[in-house]
Amino acid sequence: MGLALLLGGLGCRSDDTGTQTAPPAPIVSAACGDPTASVVITDPTNYSLSDQFTIQVATLKDNTNVLFDWSRLTTDFFGKAVNPASDVNMILLALWSLTPDQIEAALKADDIPLSANAGIITAYPDGTYTSQTLYNFNLLGQPLPMDQLSMFFDTSTPNYAYPQDQYTFMMMASTGTTPGKGARGIALFHIDPSSTQTELDLTNDSTKLQYTVDLLQAAPVEVPGATPALTLDWSQMTTNMLGNAYISSQITEAAVAHYRSATLADLQKQFLDLEDIADEWYSVAIPAGASVDLSTMVDAAGNAFPGIDDTGVWMAALFCGNCNNPAPWSITVLQPCK
């Protein structure tokens, strides 16, 4: 997977001209004067992420029991290993009133409008197969009426409503069974009676992701060290890492990570593995609201968050669990008060 990483030098970052700019000055939180005060994060404390999807488009024969095969999907578009038998729990076929270019643009912005969806059908692999024919798909677990299938997959149907210059089919292989979530691979296709292709293979090359991440642009926030009971408040955030509206109620998880010997430049290079490479990772679910008490966070072994110190990099990350893009909506670097 080609990765376009925006990398700065240690303690510096590069602007678009390639020149070095000084790192932003830390923001002193109110908690430095009063540990009971909230640590309020704002847009200047956030990182930025830009991504670009390139998805292969096939033209399949219409009115045919097409075979959909994902046996060669062994790496997802985030570079993570995939076992096509055990990691793929749902195959989704969706029809969108969008062109392939429009779908790629919507994925880039993490915003495919549900109003553009014309229908979906599903298959739920149980680990015993890595391909499925069209006529064996179902309707979210319910039997699929075959007479309705032709309305979508047979262009000779009278008054066929889905011209292929305006509509695009999507095949999505996902971990988990929530439609549209946990995507590991995506392929797009059109149907045409003149096509001779009767099989769609979802492979590691079907979806390519390029991204640019900048952790160095964010102003660090100073907070009291060795103080677990800090309240992190994101109610004043207006835009997320993609530049979209930051809807506070969409945050479903918060985490604090510690990297003892890494720099921010190091972490940019390993952005997709931030949780895996963390020396410490404390997290908590957010059922509601726009703030969290960091003392409620625990690591995988149940150890409580101890507060930060002056070693390495500490960062707080907030996640939207109901969004398609798994990257944190915000990442804030935390430093001890001076």
C-alpha atoms as a PDB file:
ATOM      1  CA  MET A   1       0.000   0.000   0.000  1.00  0.00           C
ATOM      2  CA  GLY A   2       1.467   3.357  -1.028  1.00  0.00           C
ATOM      3  CA  LEU A   3       1.523   5.788   1.868  1.00  0.00           C
ATOM      4  CA  ALA A   4       2.084   9.507   1.329  1.00  0.00           C
ATOM      5  CA  LEU A   5       3.334  10.496   4.772  1.00  0.00           C
ATOM      6  CA  LEU A   6       3.923  14.108   5.732  1.00  0.00           C
ATOM      7  CA  LEU A   7       7.047  13.782   7.853  1.00  0.00           C
ATOM      8  CA  GLY A   8       8.838  16.547   9.686  1.00  0.00           C
ATOM      9  CA  GLY A   9      12.207  16.474  11.403  1.00  0.00           C
ATOM     10  CA  LEU A  10      12.559  15.951  15.113  1.00  0.00           C
ATOM     11  CA  GLY A  11      10.917  18.911  16.842  1.00  0.00           C
ATOM     12  CA  CYS A  12       9.974  20.550  13.536  1.00  0.00           C
ATOM     13  CA  ARG A  13       7.476  20.114  10.762  1.00  0.00           C
ATOM     14  CA  SER A  14       7.454  20.990   7.070  1.00  0.00           C
ATOM     15  CA  ASP A  15       4.949  23.235   5.350  1.00  0.00           C
ATOM     16  CA  ASP A  16       3.889  22.801   1.726  1.00  0.00           C
ATOM     17  CA  THR A  17       7.016  24.591   0.478  1.00  0.00           C
ATOM     18  CA  GLY A  18       9.338  22.171   2.259  1.00  0.00           C
ATOM     19  CA  THR A  19      10.685  24.785   4.659  1.00  0.00           C
ATOM     20  CA  GLN A  20      10.884  24.103   8.368  1.00  0.00           C
ATOM     21  CA  THR A  21       8.476  25.815  10.734  1.00  0.00           C
ATOM     22  CA  ALA A  22       8.729  25.978  14.494  1.00  0.00           C
ATOM     23  CA  PRO A  23       6.461  23.621  16.445  1.00  0.00           C
ATOM     24  CA  PRO A  24       3.371  25.282  17.928  1.00  0.00           C
ATOM     25  CA  ALA A  25       3.696  26.591  21.464  1.00  0.00           C
ATOM     26  CA  PRO A  26       2.018  24.518  24.185  1.00  0.00           C
ATOM     27  CA  ILE A  27      -1.366  25.613  25.489  1.00  0.00           C
ATOM     28  CA  VAL A  28      -1.508  25.779  29.287  1.00  0.00           C
ATOM     29  CA  SER A  29      -4.760  24.218  30.476  1.00  0.00           C
ATOM     30  CA  ALA A  30      -6.752  25.666  33.357  1.00  0.00           C
ATOM     31  CA  ALA A  31      -5.984  22.442  35.241  1.00  0.00           C
ATOM     32  CA  CYS A  32      -2.377  23.593  35.681  1.00  0.00           C
ATOM     33  CA  GLY A  33      -3.709  26.185  38.135  1.00  0.00           C
ATOM     34  CA  ASP A  34      -6.592  24.122  39.463  1.00  0.00           C
ATOM     35  CA  PRO A  35      -6.469  20.331  38.914  1.00  0.00           C
ATOM     36  CA  THR A  36     -10.246  20.178  39.266  1.00  0.00           C
ATOM     37  CA  ALA A  37     -10.716  22.451  36.234  1.00  0.00           C
ATOM     38  CA  SER A  38     -11.463  20.848  32.875  1.00  0.00           C
ATOM     39  CA  VAL A  39      -8.781  20.320  30.247  1.00  0.00           C
ATOM     40  CA  VAL A  40     -10.516  21.875  27.264  1.00  0.00           C
ATOM     41  CA  ILE A  41      -9.261  20.849  23.823  1.00  0.00           C
ATOM     42  CA  THR A  42      -9.948  22.971  20.740  1.00  0.00           C
ATOM     43  CA  ASP A  43      -9.260  22.819  17.016  1.00  0.00           C
ATOM     44  CA  PRO A  44      -5.653  24.130  17.334  1.00  0.00           C
ATOM     45  CA  THR A  45      -4.813  21.114  19.522  1.00  0.00           C
ATOM     46  CA  ASN A  46      -5.892  18.586  16.890  1.00  0.00           C
ATOM     47  CA  TYR A  47      -3.969  16.716  14.205  1.00  0.00           C
ATOM     48  CA  SER A  48      -4.979  16.485  10.548  1.00  0.00           C
ATOM     49  CA  LEU A  49      -5.583  13.545   8.235  1.00  0.00           C
ATOM     50  CA  SER A  50      -6.169  13.498   4.498  1.00  0.00           C
ATOM     51  CA  ASP A  51      -6.904  10.282   2.637  1.00  0.00           C
ATOM     52  CA  GLN A  52      -7.570   9.212  -0.925  1.00  0.00           C
ATOM     53  CA  PHE A  53      -9.196   5.970  -2.059  1.00  0.00           C
ATOM     54  CA  THR A  54      -8.628   4.334  -5.435  1.00  0.00           C
ATOM     55  CA  ILE A  55     -11.022   1.450  -6.058  1.00  0.00           C
ATOM     56  CA  GLN A  56     -11.009  -0.938  -9.006  1.00  0.00           C
ATOM     57  CA  VAL A  57     -14.149  -0.943 -11.163  1.00  0.00           C
ATOM     58  CA  ALA A  58     -15.287  -4.053 -13.058  1.00  0.00           C
ATOM     59  CA  THR A  59     -18.037  -4.572 -15.602  1.00  0.00           C
ATOM     60  CA  LEU A  60     -19.946  -7.802 -15.005  1.00  0.00           C
ATOM     61  CA  LYS A  61     -22.452  -9.608 -17.168  1.00  0.00           C
ATOM     62  CA  ASP A  62     -25.989  -8.765 -16.133  1.00  0.00           C
ATOM     63  CA  ASN A  63     -28.800 -11.257 -15.483  1.00  0.00           C
ATOM     64  CA  THR A  64     -26.196 -13.834 -14.418  1.00  0.00           C
ATOM     65  CA  ASN A  65     -25.475 -15.788 -11.256  1.00  0.00           C
ATOM     66  CA  VAL A  66     -22.178 -13.926 -10.763  1.00  0.00           C
ATOM     67  CA  LEU A  67     -19.566 -15.411  -8.413  1.00  0.00           C
ATOM     68  CA  PHE A  68     -18.113 -13.064  -5.787  1.00  0.00           C
ATOM     69  CA  ASP A  69     -14.760 -14.323  -4.463  1.00  0.00           C
ATOM     70  CA  TRP A  70     -12.703 -12.872  -1.583  1.00  0.00           C
ATOM     71  CA  SER A  71     -10.241 -15.766  -1.113  1.00  0.00           C
ATOM     72  CA  ARG A  72      -7.311 -13.587  -2.245  1.00  0.00           C
ATOM     73  CA  LEU A  73      -8.015 -10.772   0.208  1.00  0.00           C
ATOM     74  CA  THR A  74      -5.136 -11.201   2.667  1.00  0.00           C
ATOM     75  CA  THR A  75      -4.306  -7.548   3.449  1.00  0.00           C
ATOM     76  CA  ASP A  76      -6.878  -4.800   3.929  1.00  0.00           C
ATOM     77  CA  PHE A  77      -6.503  -1.227   2.703  1.00  0.00           C
ATOM     78  CA  PHE A  78      -5.108  -0.183   6.089  1.00  0.00           C
ATOM     79  CA  GLY A  79      -2.248  -2.672   5.636  1.00  0.00           C
ATOM     80  CA  LYS A  80      -3.617  -5.102   8.236  1.00  0.00           C
ATOM     81  CA  ALA A  81      -3.513  -8.868   7.671  1.00  0.00           C
ATOM     82  CA  VAL A  82      -6.806 -10.527   6.752  1.00  0.00           C
ATOM     83  CA  ASN A  83      -7.707 -14.193   6.949  1.00  0.00           C
ATOM     84  CA  PRO A  84     -10.358 -14.413   4.212  1.00  0.00           C
ATOM     85  CA  ALA A  85     -12.052 -17.357   5.926  1.00  0.00           C
ATOM     86  CA  SER A  86     -12.144 -16.249   9.557  1.00  0.00           C
ATOM     87  CA  ASP A  87     -11.928 -12.437   9.401  1.00  0.00           C
ATOM     88  CA  VAL A  88     -14.657 -11.786   6.833  1.00  0.00           C
ATOM     89  CA  ASN A  89     -18.035 -12.020   8.555  1.00  0.00           C
ATOM     90  CA  MET A  90     -20.167 -10.190   5.993  1.00  0.00           C
ATOM     91  CA  ILE A  91     -20.164  -9.578   2.258  1.00  0.00           C
ATOM     92  CA  LEU A  92     -22.320  -6.628   1.319  1.00  0.00           C
ATOM     93  CA  LEU A  93     -23.539  -5.803  -2.185  1.00  0.00           C
ATOM     94  CA  ALA A  94     -24.897  -2.267  -2.322  1.00  0.00           C
ATOM     95  CA  LEU A  95     -26.239  -0.150  -5.165  1.00  0.00           C
ATOM     96  CA  TRP A  96     -25.526   3.588  -5.018  1.00  0.00           C
ATOM     97  CA  SER A  97     -26.855   6.466  -7.103  1.00  0.00           C
ATOM     98  CA  LEU A  98     -23.244   7.622  -7.412  1.00  0.00           C
ATOM     99  CA  THR A  99     -20.459   7.259  -9.949  1.00  0.00           C
ATOM    100  CA  PRO A 100     -17.196   5.536  -8.929  1.00  0.00           C
ATOM    101  CA  ASP A 101     -15.496   8.937  -8.662  1.00  0.00           C
ATOM    102  CA  GLN A 102     -18.282  10.190  -6.400  1.00  0.00           C
ATOM    103  CA  ILE A 103     -17.992   7.100  -4.184  1.00  0.00           C
ATOM    104  CA  GLU A 104     -14.237   7.590  -3.820  1.00  0.00           C
ATOM    105  CA  ALA A 105     -14.785  11.257  -2.935  1.00  0.00           C
ATOM    106  CA  ALA A 106     -17.450  10.320  -0.371  1.00  0.00           C
ATOM    107  CA  LEU A 107     -15.150   7.754   1.247  1.00  0.00           C
ATOM    108  CA  LYS A 108     -12.393  10.363   1.416  1.00  0.00           C
ATOM    109  CA  ALA A 109     -14.713  12.627   3.401  1.00  0.00           C
ATOM    110  CA  ASP A 110     -16.144   9.684   5.390  1.00  0.00           C
ATOM    111  CA  ASP A 111     -19.574  10.749   4.192  1.00  0.00           C
ATOM    112  CA  ILE A 112     -21.511   8.433   1.865  1.00  0.00           C
ATOM    113  CA  PRO A 113     -25.068   9.757   2.043  1.00  0.00           C
ATOM    114  CA  LEU A 114     -27.601   7.077   2.942  1.00  0.00           C
ATOM    115  CA  SER A 115     -30.037   8.846   0.639  1.00  0.00           C
ATOM    116  CA  ALA A 116     -27.871   7.662  -2.272  1.00  0.00           C
ATOM    117  CA  ASN A 117     -28.371   3.992  -1.388  1.00  0.00           C
ATOM    118  CA  ALA A 118     -30.783   2.118  -3.628  1.00  0.00           C
ATOM    119  CA  GLY A 119     -30.582  -1.225  -1.839  1.00  0.00           C
ATOM    120  CA  ILE A 120     -28.324  -3.839  -0.263  1.00  0.00           C
ATOM    121  CA  ILE A 121     -28.076  -7.605  -0.110  1.00  0.00           C
ATOM    122  CA  THR A 122     -25.807  -9.644   2.134  1.00  0.00           C
ATOM    123  CA  ALA A 123     -23.985 -12.885   2.740  1.00  0.00           C
ATOM    124  CA  TYR A 124     -22.673 -14.015   6.122  1.00  0.00           C
ATOM    125  CA  PRO A 125     -19.678 -16.341   5.669  1.00  0.00           C
ATOM    126  CA  ASP A 126     -19.292 -18.904   8.455  1.00  0.00           C
ATOM    127  CA  GLY A 127     -15.641 -19.726   7.805  1.00  0.00           C
ATOM    128  CA  THR A 128     -16.346 -22.635   5.465  1.00  0.00           C
ATOM    129  CA  TYR A 129     -16.363 -20.672   2.198  1.00  0.00           C
ATOM    130  CA  THR A 130     -14.644 -17.652   0.649  1.00  0.00           C
ATOM    131  CA  SER A 131     -16.891 -17.138  -2.360  1.00  0.00           C
ATOM    132  CA  GLN A 132     -20.594 -16.885  -2.956  1.00  0.00           C
ATOM    133  CA  THR A 133     -22.860 -16.684  -5.986  1.00  0.00           C
ATOM    134  CA  LEU A 134     -25.302 -13.840  -6.410  1.00  0.00           C
ATOM    135  CA  TYR A 135     -28.414 -16.002  -6.116  1.00  0.00           C
ATOM    136  CA  ASN A 136     -27.293 -17.241  -2.686  1.00  0.00           C
ATOM    137  CA  PHE A 137     -27.168 -13.788  -1.125  1.00  0.00           C
ATOM    138  CA  ASN A 138     -29.896 -12.753   1.307  1.00  0.00           C
ATOM    139  CA  LEU A 139     -31.632  -9.630   2.528  1.00  0.00           C
ATOM    140  CA  LEU A 140     -30.002  -8.917   5.907  1.00  0.00           C
ATOM    141  CA  GLY A 141     -30.488 -12.555   6.857  1.00  0.00           C
ATOM    142  CA  GLN A 142     -33.931 -12.918   5.298  1.00  0.00           C
ATOM    143  CA  PRO A 143     -34.670 -14.855   2.079  1.00  0.00           C
ATOM    144  CA  LEU A 144     -34.040 -12.855  -1.075  1.00  0.00           C
ATOM    145  CA  PRO A 145     -37.062 -12.667  -3.420  1.00  0.00           C
ATOM    146  CA  MET A 146     -35.635 -13.736  -6.770  1.00  0.00           C
ATOM    147  CA  ASP A 147     -38.229 -11.770  -8.729  1.00  0.00           C
ATOM    148  CA  GLN A 148     -36.951  -8.585  -7.089  1.00  0.00           C
ATOM    149  CA  LEU A 149     -33.329  -9.411  -7.857  1.00  0.00           C
ATOM    150  CA  SER A 150     -33.895  -8.893 -11.574  1.00  0.00           C
ATOM    151  CA  MET A 151     -35.054  -5.335 -10.883  1.00  0.00           C
ATOM    152  CA  PHE A 152     -31.448  -4.525  -9.985  1.00  0.00           C
ATOM    153  CA  PHE A 153     -29.273  -7.026 -11.862  1.00  0.00           C
ATOM    154  CA  ASP A 154     -31.088  -7.369 -15.229  1.00  0.00           C
ATOM    155  CA  THR A 155     -30.841  -4.275 -17.437  1.00  0.00           C
ATOM    156  CA  SER A 156     -33.479  -5.712 -19.806  1.00  0.00           C
ATOM    157  CA  THR A 157     -36.125  -5.389 -17.091  1.00  0.00           C
ATOM    158  CA  PRO A 158     -38.868  -3.076 -18.397  1.00  0.00           C
ATOM    159  CA  ASN A 159     -38.288   0.488 -17.202  1.00  0.00           C
ATOM    160  CA  TYR A 160     -34.972  -0.507 -15.641  1.00  0.00           C
ATOM    161  CA  ALA A 161     -34.349   2.234 -13.091  1.00  0.00           C
ATOM    162  CA  TYR A 162     -30.586   2.086 -12.506  1.00  0.00           C
ATOM    163  CA  PRO A 163     -28.617   3.284 -15.547  1.00  0.00           C
ATOM    164  CA  GLN A 164     -24.986   2.356 -15.097  1.00  0.00           C
ATOM    165  CA  ASP A 165     -23.654   5.792 -15.950  1.00  0.00           C
ATOM    166  CA  GLN A 166     -25.431   7.075 -12.837  1.00  0.00           C
ATOM    167  CA  TYR A 167     -25.442   4.065 -10.496  1.00  0.00           C
ATOM    168  CA  THR A 168     -22.618   1.889  -9.195  1.00  0.00           C
ATOM    169  CA  PHE A 169     -22.608  -1.436  -7.367  1.00  0.00           C
ATOM    170  CA  MET A 170     -20.238  -1.940  -4.436  1.00  0.00           C
ATOM    171  CA  MET A 171     -18.897  -5.183  -2.987  1.00  0.00           C
ATOM    172  CA  MET A 172     -17.639  -4.796   0.586  1.00  0.00           C
ATOM    173  CA  ALA A 173     -15.992  -7.449   2.744  1.00  0.00           C
ATOM    174  CA  SER A 174     -16.264  -6.622   6.444  1.00  0.00           C
ATOM    175  CA  THR A 175     -15.233  -7.865   9.842  1.00  0.00           C
ATOM    176  CA  GLY A 176     -18.391  -7.790  11.931  1.00  0.00           C
ATOM    177  CA  THR A 177     -21.964  -7.822  10.701  1.00  0.00           C
ATOM    178  CA  THR A 178     -22.996  -4.169  10.923  1.00  0.00           C
ATOM    179  CA  PRO A 179     -23.706  -2.960   7.364  1.00  0.00           C
ATOM    180  CA  GLY A 180     -21.147  -0.391   6.237  1.00  0.00           C
ATOM    181  CA  LYS A 181     -18.813  -0.904   9.213  1.00  0.00           C
ATOM    182  CA  GLY A 182     -15.552  -2.792   9.602  1.00  0.00           C
ATOM    183  CA  ALA A 183     -14.677  -2.695   5.894  1.00  0.00           C
ATOM    184  CA  ARG A 184     -11.565  -4.690   4.961  1.00  0.00           C
ATOM    185  CA  GLY A 185     -11.876  -4.567   1.172  1.00  0.00           C
ATOM    186  CA  ILE A 186     -14.051  -2.804  -1.414  1.00  0.00           C
ATOM    187  CA  ALA A 187     -14.606  -3.321  -5.135  1.00  0.00           C
ATOM    188  CA  LEU A 188     -16.971  -1.473  -7.471  1.00  0.00           C
ATOM    189  CA  PHE A 189     -18.774  -2.826 -10.498  1.00  0.00           C
ATOM    190  CA  HIS A 190     -21.280  -2.066 -13.206  1.00  0.00           C
ATOM    191  CA  ILE A 191     -23.405  -4.549 -15.132  1.00  0.00           C
ATOM    192  CA  ASP A 192     -23.778  -4.803 -18.881  1.00  0.00           C
ATOM    193  CA  PRO A 193     -25.362  -7.459 -21.143  1.00  0.00           C
ATOM    194  CA  SER A 194     -22.342  -7.337 -23.464  1.00  0.00           C
ATOM    195  CA  SER A 195     -19.842  -8.187 -20.736  1.00  0.00           C
ATOM    196  CA  THR A 196     -18.455 -11.712 -20.522  1.00  0.00           C
ATOM    197  CA  GLN A 197     -17.096 -11.382 -16.963  1.00  0.00           C
ATOM    198  CA  THR A 198     -19.070 -13.549 -14.549  1.00  0.00           C
ATOM    199  CA  GLU A 199     -16.767 -13.424 -11.506  1.00  0.00           C
ATOM    200  CA  LEU A 200     -15.590 -10.579  -9.300  1.00  0.00           C
ATOM    201  CA  ASP A 201     -12.424 -11.229  -7.316  1.00  0.00           C
ATOM    202  CA  LEU A 202     -11.840  -9.018  -4.280  1.00  0.00           C
ATOM    203  CA  THR A 203      -8.063  -8.865  -3.767  1.00  0.00           C
ATOM    204  CA  ASN A 204      -5.415  -6.792  -1.993  1.00  0.00           C
ATOM    205  CA  ASP A 205      -5.295  -4.565  -5.078  1.00  0.00           C
ATOM    206  CA  SER A 206      -9.040  -3.859  -5.250  1.00  0.00           C
ATOM    207  CA  THR A 207      -8.804  -0.921  -2.835  1.00  0.00           C
ATOM    208  CA  LYS A 208      -5.801   1.353  -2.424  1.00  0.00           C
ATOM    209  CA  LEU A 209      -5.515   3.993   0.281  1.00  0.00           C
ATOM    210  CA  GLN A 210      -3.086   6.881   0.311  1.00  0.00           C
ATOM    211  CA  TYR A 211      -3.020   9.178   3.282  1.00  0.00           C
ATOM    212  CA  THR A 212      -1.236  12.164   4.767  1.00  0.00           C
ATOM    213  CA  VAL A 213      -1.133  12.664   8.523  1.00  0.00           C
ATOM    214  CA  ASP A 214       0.269  15.588  10.511  1.00  0.00           C
ATOM    215  CA  LEU A 215       0.653  15.135  14.256  1.00  0.00           C
ATOM    216  CA  LEU A 216       3.192  17.949  14.468  1.00  0.00           C
ATOM    217  CA  GLN A 217       0.765  20.744  13.600  1.00  0.00           C
ATOM    218  CA  ALA A 218      -1.159  20.388  16.864  1.00  0.00           C
ATOM    219  CA  ALA A 219      -0.400  22.579  19.856  1.00  0.00           C
ATOM    220  CA  PRO A 220       0.388  20.362  22.881  1.00  0.00           C
ATOM    221  CA  VAL A 221      -1.739  20.886  25.978  1.00  0.00           C
ATOM    222  CA  GLU A 222      -0.097  21.152  29.387  1.00  0.00           C
ATOM    223  CA  VAL A 223      -1.817  19.266  32.214  1.00  0.00           C
ATOM    224  CA  PRO A 224      -0.780  18.378  35.785  1.00  0.00           C
ATOM    225  CA  GLY A 225       1.547  15.365  35.891  1.00  0.00           C
ATOM    226  CA  ALA A 226       0.849  12.252  37.976  1.00  0.00           C
ATOM    227  CA  THR A 227      -2.797  13.323  38.221  1.00  0.00           C
ATOM    228  CA  PRO A 228      -5.252  10.661  36.986  1.00  0.00           C
ATOM    229  CA  ALA A 229      -8.443  12.582  37.813  1.00  0.00           C
ATOM    230  CA  LEU A 230      -8.333  15.054  34.943  1.00  0.00           C
ATOM    231  CA  THR A 231     -11.488  15.956  33.024  1.00  0.00           C
ATOM    232  CA  LEU A 232     -10.948  16.100  29.258  1.00  0.00           C
ATOM    233  CA  ASP A 233     -13.568  18.315  27.583  1.00  0.00           C
ATOM    234  CA  TRP A 234     -14.109  18.353  23.796  1.00  0.00           C
ATOM    235  CA  SER A 235     -17.293  20.450  23.723  1.00  0.00           C
ATOM    236  CA  GLN A 236     -15.479  23.316  21.982  1.00  0.00           C
ATOM    237  CA  MET A 237     -14.125  21.240  19.095  1.00  0.00           C
ATOM    238  CA  THR A 238     -15.684  22.300  15.780  1.00  0.00           C
ATOM    239  CA  THR A 239     -13.853  20.193  13.157  1.00  0.00           C
ATOM    240  CA  ASN A 240     -12.411  16.694  13.235  1.00  0.00           C
ATOM    241  CA  MET A 241      -9.175  15.444  11.696  1.00  0.00           C
ATOM    242  CA  LEU A 242     -10.741  15.374   8.206  1.00  0.00           C
ATOM    243  CA  GLY A 243     -12.090  18.907   8.483  1.00  0.00           C
ATOM    244  CA  ASN A 244     -15.675  17.704   8.911  1.00  0.00           C
ATOM    245  CA  ALA A 245     -18.007  18.935  11.642  1.00  0.00           C
ATOM    246  CA  TYR A 246     -17.009  17.670  15.077  1.00  0.00           C
ATOM    247  CA  ILE A 247     -20.256  16.437  16.611  1.00  0.00           C
ATOM    248  CA  SER A 248     -19.412  15.947  20.275  1.00  0.00           C
ATOM    249  CA  SER A 249     -22.118  13.345  20.840  1.00  0.00           C
ATOM    250  CA  GLN A 250     -20.572  11.088  18.184  1.00  0.00           C
ATOM    251  CA  ILE A 251     -17.567  10.279  20.389  1.00  0.00           C
ATOM    252  CA  THR A 252     -17.935   6.720  21.712  1.00  0.00           C
ATOM    253  CA  GLU A 253     -14.461   5.990  23.091  1.00  0.00           C
ATOM    254  CA  ALA A 254     -11.556   7.893  24.624  1.00  0.00           C
ATOM    255  CA  ALA A 255      -7.998   6.689  25.065  1.00  0.00           C
ATOM    256  CA  VAL A 256      -4.698   7.926  26.456  1.00  0.00           C
ATOM    257  CA  ALA A 257      -1.533   6.417  24.979  1.00  0.00           C
ATOM    258  CA  HIS A 258       2.089   6.581  26.104  1.00  0.00           C
ATOM    259  CA  TYR A 259       5.127   6.059  23.877  1.00  0.00           C
ATOM    260  CA  ARG A 260       8.208   6.065  26.084  1.00  0.00           C
ATOM    261  CA  SER A 261      10.922   6.473  23.458  1.00  0.00           C
ATOM    262  CA  ALA A 262       9.067   7.613  20.318  1.00  0.00           C
ATOM    263  CA  THR A 263       8.853  11.095  18.854  1.00  0.00           C
ATOM    264  CA  LEU A 264       5.852  12.531  17.028  1.00  0.00           C
ATOM    265  CA  ALA A 265       7.769  12.113  13.769  1.00  0.00           C
ATOM    266  CA  ASP A 266       8.226   8.418  14.604  1.00  0.00           C
ATOM    267  CA  LEU A 267       4.532   8.050  15.342  1.00  0.00           C
ATOM    268  CA  GLN A 268       3.540   9.633  12.033  1.00  0.00           C
ATOM    269  CA  LYS A 269       5.453   6.873  10.248  1.00  0.00           C
ATOM    270  CA  GLN A 270       3.519   4.235  12.199  1.00  0.00           C
ATOM    271  CA  PHE A 271       0.187   6.025  12.357  1.00  0.00           C
ATOM    272  CA  LEU A 272      -1.872   2.950  11.446  1.00  0.00           C
ATOM    273  CA  ASP A 273      -0.340   1.035  14.351  1.00  0.00           C
ATOM    274  CA  LEU A 274      -0.630   3.593  17.160  1.00  0.00           C
ATOM    275  CA  GLU A 275      -2.485   1.257  19.500  1.00  0.00           C
ATOM    276  CA  ASP A 276      -0.300  -1.761  18.721  1.00  0.00           C
ATOM    277  CA  ILE A 277       2.996   0.043  19.356  1.00  0.00           C
ATOM    278  CA  ALA A 278       1.921   1.969  22.479  1.00  0.00           C
ATOM    279  CA  ASP A 279       3.836   1.166  25.659  1.00  0.00           C
ATOM    280  CA  GLU A 280       0.659   1.991  27.581  1.00  0.00           C
ATOM    281  CA  TRP A 281      -2.903   2.304  26.287  1.00  0.00           C
ATOM    282  CA  TYR A 282      -5.765   3.278  28.608  1.00  0.00           C
ATOM    283  CA  SER A 283      -9.317   3.592  27.332  1.00  0.00           C
ATOM    284  CA  VAL A 284     -12.954   3.946  28.327  1.00  0.00           C
ATOM    285  CA  ALA A 285     -16.311   3.899  26.527  1.00  0.00           C
ATOM    286  CA  ILE A 286     -18.205   7.199  26.300  1.00  0.00           C
ATOM    287  CA  PRO A 287     -21.962   6.555  26.553  1.00  0.00           C
ATOM    288  CA  ALA A 288     -22.922  10.236  26.353  1.00  0.00           C
ATOM    289  CA  GLY A 289     -21.679  13.770  26.895  1.00  0.00           C
ATOM    290  CA  ALA A 290     -18.652  15.770  25.773  1.00  0.00           C
ATOM    291  CA  SER A 291     -16.177  15.106  28.578  1.00  0.00           C
ATOM    292  CA  VAL A 292     -14.493  12.217  30.349  1.00  0.00           C
ATOM    293  CA  ASP A 293     -12.711  11.710  33.649  1.00  0.00           C
ATOM    294  CA  LEU A 294      -9.357  10.187  32.681  1.00  0.00           C
ATOM    295  CA  SER A 295      -9.175   8.319  36.005  1.00  0.00           C
ATOM    296  CA  THR A 296     -11.930   6.006  34.694  1.00  0.00           C
ATOM    297  CA  MET A 297      -9.607   4.670  31.993  1.00  0.00           C
ATOM    298  CA  VAL A 298      -7.938   1.264  32.296  1.00  0.00           C
ATOM    299  CA  ASP A 299      -5.558  -0.764  30.148  1.00  0.00           C
ATOM    300  CA  ALA A 300      -6.151  -4.274  28.814  1.00  0.00           C
ATOM    301  CA  ALA A 301      -5.000  -5.771  32.117  1.00  0.00           C
ATOM    302  CA  GLY A 302      -7.345  -3.573  34.151  1.00  0.00           C
ATOM    303  CA  ASN A 303      -4.654  -1.206  35.408  1.00  0.00           C
ATOM    304  CA  ALA A 304      -5.906   2.329  36.029  1.00  0.00           C
ATOM    305  CA  PHE A 305      -4.522   5.377  34.222  1.00  0.00           C
ATOM    306  CA  PRO A 306      -1.809   6.812  36.530  1.00  0.00           C
ATOM    307  CA  GLY A 307      -1.540  10.298  35.041  1.00  0.00           C
ATOM    308  CA  ILE A 308       1.171  11.473  32.676  1.00  0.00           C
ATOM    309  CA  ASP A 309       4.865  12.102  33.244  1.00  0.00           C
ATOM    310  CA  ASP A 310       7.633  13.859  31.321  1.00  0.00           C
ATOM    311  CA  THR A 311       8.896  10.816  29.393  1.00  0.00           C
ATOM    312  CA  GLY A 312       8.288  10.232  25.700  1.00  0.00           C
ATOM    313  CA  VAL A 313       4.955  11.183  24.124  1.00  0.00           C
ATOM    314  CA  TRP A 314       1.552  11.127  25.807  1.00  0.00           C
ATOM    315  CA  MET A 315      -1.564  11.670  23.693  1.00  0.00           C
ATOM    316  CA  ALA A 316      -5.308  11.626  24.191  1.00  0.00           C
ATOM    317  CA  ALA A 317      -7.427  10.241  21.334  1.00  0.00           C
ATOM    318  CA  LEU A 318     -11.180  10.401  20.792  1.00  0.00           C
ATOM    319  CA  PHE A 319     -12.986   7.954  18.512  1.00  0.00           C
ATOM    320  CA  CYS A 320     -16.289   7.905  16.640  1.00  0.00           C
ATOM    321  CA  GLY A 321     -17.272   4.248  16.796  1.00  0.00           C
ATOM    322  CA  ASN A 322     -20.234   4.730  14.462  1.00  0.00           C
ATOM    323  CA  CYS A 323     -18.142   6.249  11.669  1.00  0.00           C
ATOM    324  CA  ASN A 324     -16.673   4.409   8.702  1.00  0.00           C
ATOM    325  CA  ASN A 325     -13.177   5.845   9.177  1.00  0.00           C
ATOM    326  CA  PRO A 326     -11.556   4.206  12.240  1.00  0.00           C
ATOM    327  CA  ALA A 327      -8.965   6.971  12.738  1.00  0.00           C
ATOM    328  CA  PRO A 328      -9.422   9.107  15.878  1.00  0.00           C
ATOM    329  CA  TRP A 329     -11.492  12.244  15.366  1.00  0.00           C
ATOM    330  CA  SER A 330      -8.926  14.062  17.466  1.00  0.00           C
ATOM    331  CA  ILE A 331      -5.490  13.427  18.910  1.00  0.00           C
ATOM    332  CA  THR A 332      -4.121  15.826  21.530  1.00  0.00           C
ATOM    333  CA  VAL A 333      -0.537  15.699  22.783  1.00  0.00           C
ATOM    334  CA  LEU A 334      -0.355  16.035  26.569  1.00  0.00           C
ATOM    335  CA  GLN A 335       2.637  17.487  28.437  1.00  0.00           C
ATOM    336  CA  PRO A 336       3.213  18.148  32.160  1.00  0.00           C
ATOM    337  CA  CYS A 337       2.664  21.715  33.369  1.00  0.00           C
ATOM    338  CA  LYS A 338       5.906  23.677  33.699  1.00  0.00           C
END
